[in-house]
């Protein structure tokens, strides 16, 4: 069984810009690529798990979401990082779908499809829903602390201010 890092994308690996529709605006957070490249060499499988309700709300088109994701994946590859798979919920919160975080559905899909041991895996995110997703799947969690979204301090396994702190913590995991 493999261990994995489940990563929220916007606000966790790339800058939070709301409903991102323009691939030229994709910017990696400081240290994210370096940390993820180092963790991947340590055997961590990397997965993106992202709520993209802007599609259901008509704020971005599916083609725009795909273009942003393709640019993100290009940036990852430029740093020698391979994302095993990306999972996107494109539903609005009102649709009560089974795939929207904090549901663990995508993590369970990754576990079944890629032989991932969820108990040895971590969910990293910038919002409470990301962390609850990880908890609901039986993963450890890291909150990448930010000024936009407050999270109960008791929820995450670890709180990090930046990617170097995440790297240091996971190298000890």
Foldseek 3Di string as FASTA:
>chain_A
DAAAEEEAPDPFQWDHDDQQQDLVRTHGDPPNLVLQVVVVVVRHAYEYQYERQCCVVVNYPPVSVVSNVVSVQVVNVVSVHDHPYYHYHNHDVVVVDQRDFVRLVVVVVCCVVPVHDLCNYEYEEAEQRSLSNSVNSNHAYEHCYDDPYDYPPVRHPYYHVDSVVVSVVVVVD
